[in-house]
Amino acid sequence: MILRQKFFILINFIVLLFYSTQLSISYKEIITLESYSILSWFVNIFLETFGVNDFILRLPMILLHISSTILIFLISKENSFKFGDAYFSTLFFTLLPGVISASLVVNDAGLTIFLLLLFIYLHYRVGDKAMFILLFYLLVNSSFILLYISLFVYFLYQKDKNYSLFALLLIVIDYHFYGFDIGGHPNAYILDTLAAYGAVMSPFIFLYYIYAVYRVYIKEEKNIFWFITTIPFLVSLFLSLRQPVAFELFAPYLVIAIPLMSKIFIRGYRVRLKMFRTSYKWLFVFLSTTLIISTLLIYLNKFLYPFLENKEKHFLYKYHIAKELANKLHKLNINSIGVDDIQLQKRLTFYGIDDSNNYILSHRPISKDDKNVTISYNGIKIVEFYVSNINN
């Protein structure tokens, strides 16, 4: 890997490390840490070894993301890209809102993205022998049943009976251990599904994803990469006819499609004479601009609070407040407090504020001696608390 690629990865790493300090632990992340899973084990090793804080909490996810970024670059090169093509493919991948979220939030998405890319890269290098790594994936999480289904369809398409039966066996084992929720009543959730994918990839990048997979379907070679990113998308649309879908299971299969999308775009650009490339240049500028705007909305999300009357409607509110509140309580020499919101109580516990009946935290004053604790971002009041000492 040459110097320019290493510099890009270093900058990406530094940006994510800085942004990790801007987030508080969420209740869902606490549930993940308390669960019995490989991801929980992996993150808890860091916390137990290096200490409990936001930086260490999110460092394992950032390292997984950096590994995924390297794999995206290598996969792009395997797709006969020039270095510059692979570089921009990697850049687009790191700017996707869903990828940024997966690189910081402690959930299965970041691990799933890494393992999907690892399998695809190994398949490029050693062919169908890479299938045997999927036995390990059975131990990871439930989302890989979508990978097994994709491979089953792919090997049926290839008329490979042995590997199609192997993929079918993996589906059966995965379903036995994790199950797969299929239910509900006919109800159109499909627009919600499409809107969620638009948020994960940015709206116009998602539209180009649909175009790319369709173009491959009608004109291009349908390789294993195409099946892995397309089949889960189609499954999610089918399920959306009856039920809301768990986007954290499906989204990783879409965001890894960036090398495929880049290949379609670059091929369409290069087969045209220079005088006919103007529309492609404008499309590239448009897609890049809209993606950058979506990315900035994530990194600068706290500047959105002034535009919201109800601050709790902010899309990252559940990742805010707790750390700042804990810091202010520590400054008041309060290391334990009773909170009627169990989710907030668990989040405060991560920052060293234990559960206790000596103090009570509420949104309304109980007595005139209550201490006011206000959380503000950029001079905008987000939420106000009152601390009551019940011993007084």
Foldseek 3Di string as FASTA:
>chain_A
DDDVVVVVLVVLLVLLLVLLQQWFAFLVLVVVLPDPFPLNVVLVVQCVPPHFDSNSNLVVLLVLLSLLLVLQLLVLVLVVDDNVLSVVLSVLLSLFQLSSCSSGHSDCLSVVLSVVSVLSNVCSVPNPVSVVCVVVVLRHDLLCLLVLVLQLVVCVVVVPVVVNVVSVVSNVSSCVVHNDDADAAQDQQLVVVLVVLCLRGPPVSVVLLVVLLVCCVVPNPCDSLSSQLPSLVVVCNVSNRGDHDDCSSNNSSNSSCSSSSSVVLVVVQVVDDPVPNVVSVVVVVVVVVSSNVSSVCVSVVLVCQVVDPQLCPRPRNSGDDLLLVLVVCVVVVQQEEAEPDVRSQSSNVSVRYHHDHQKYKDQDDPDPPWDKDFDDDPPHTNGIITIDGPVD
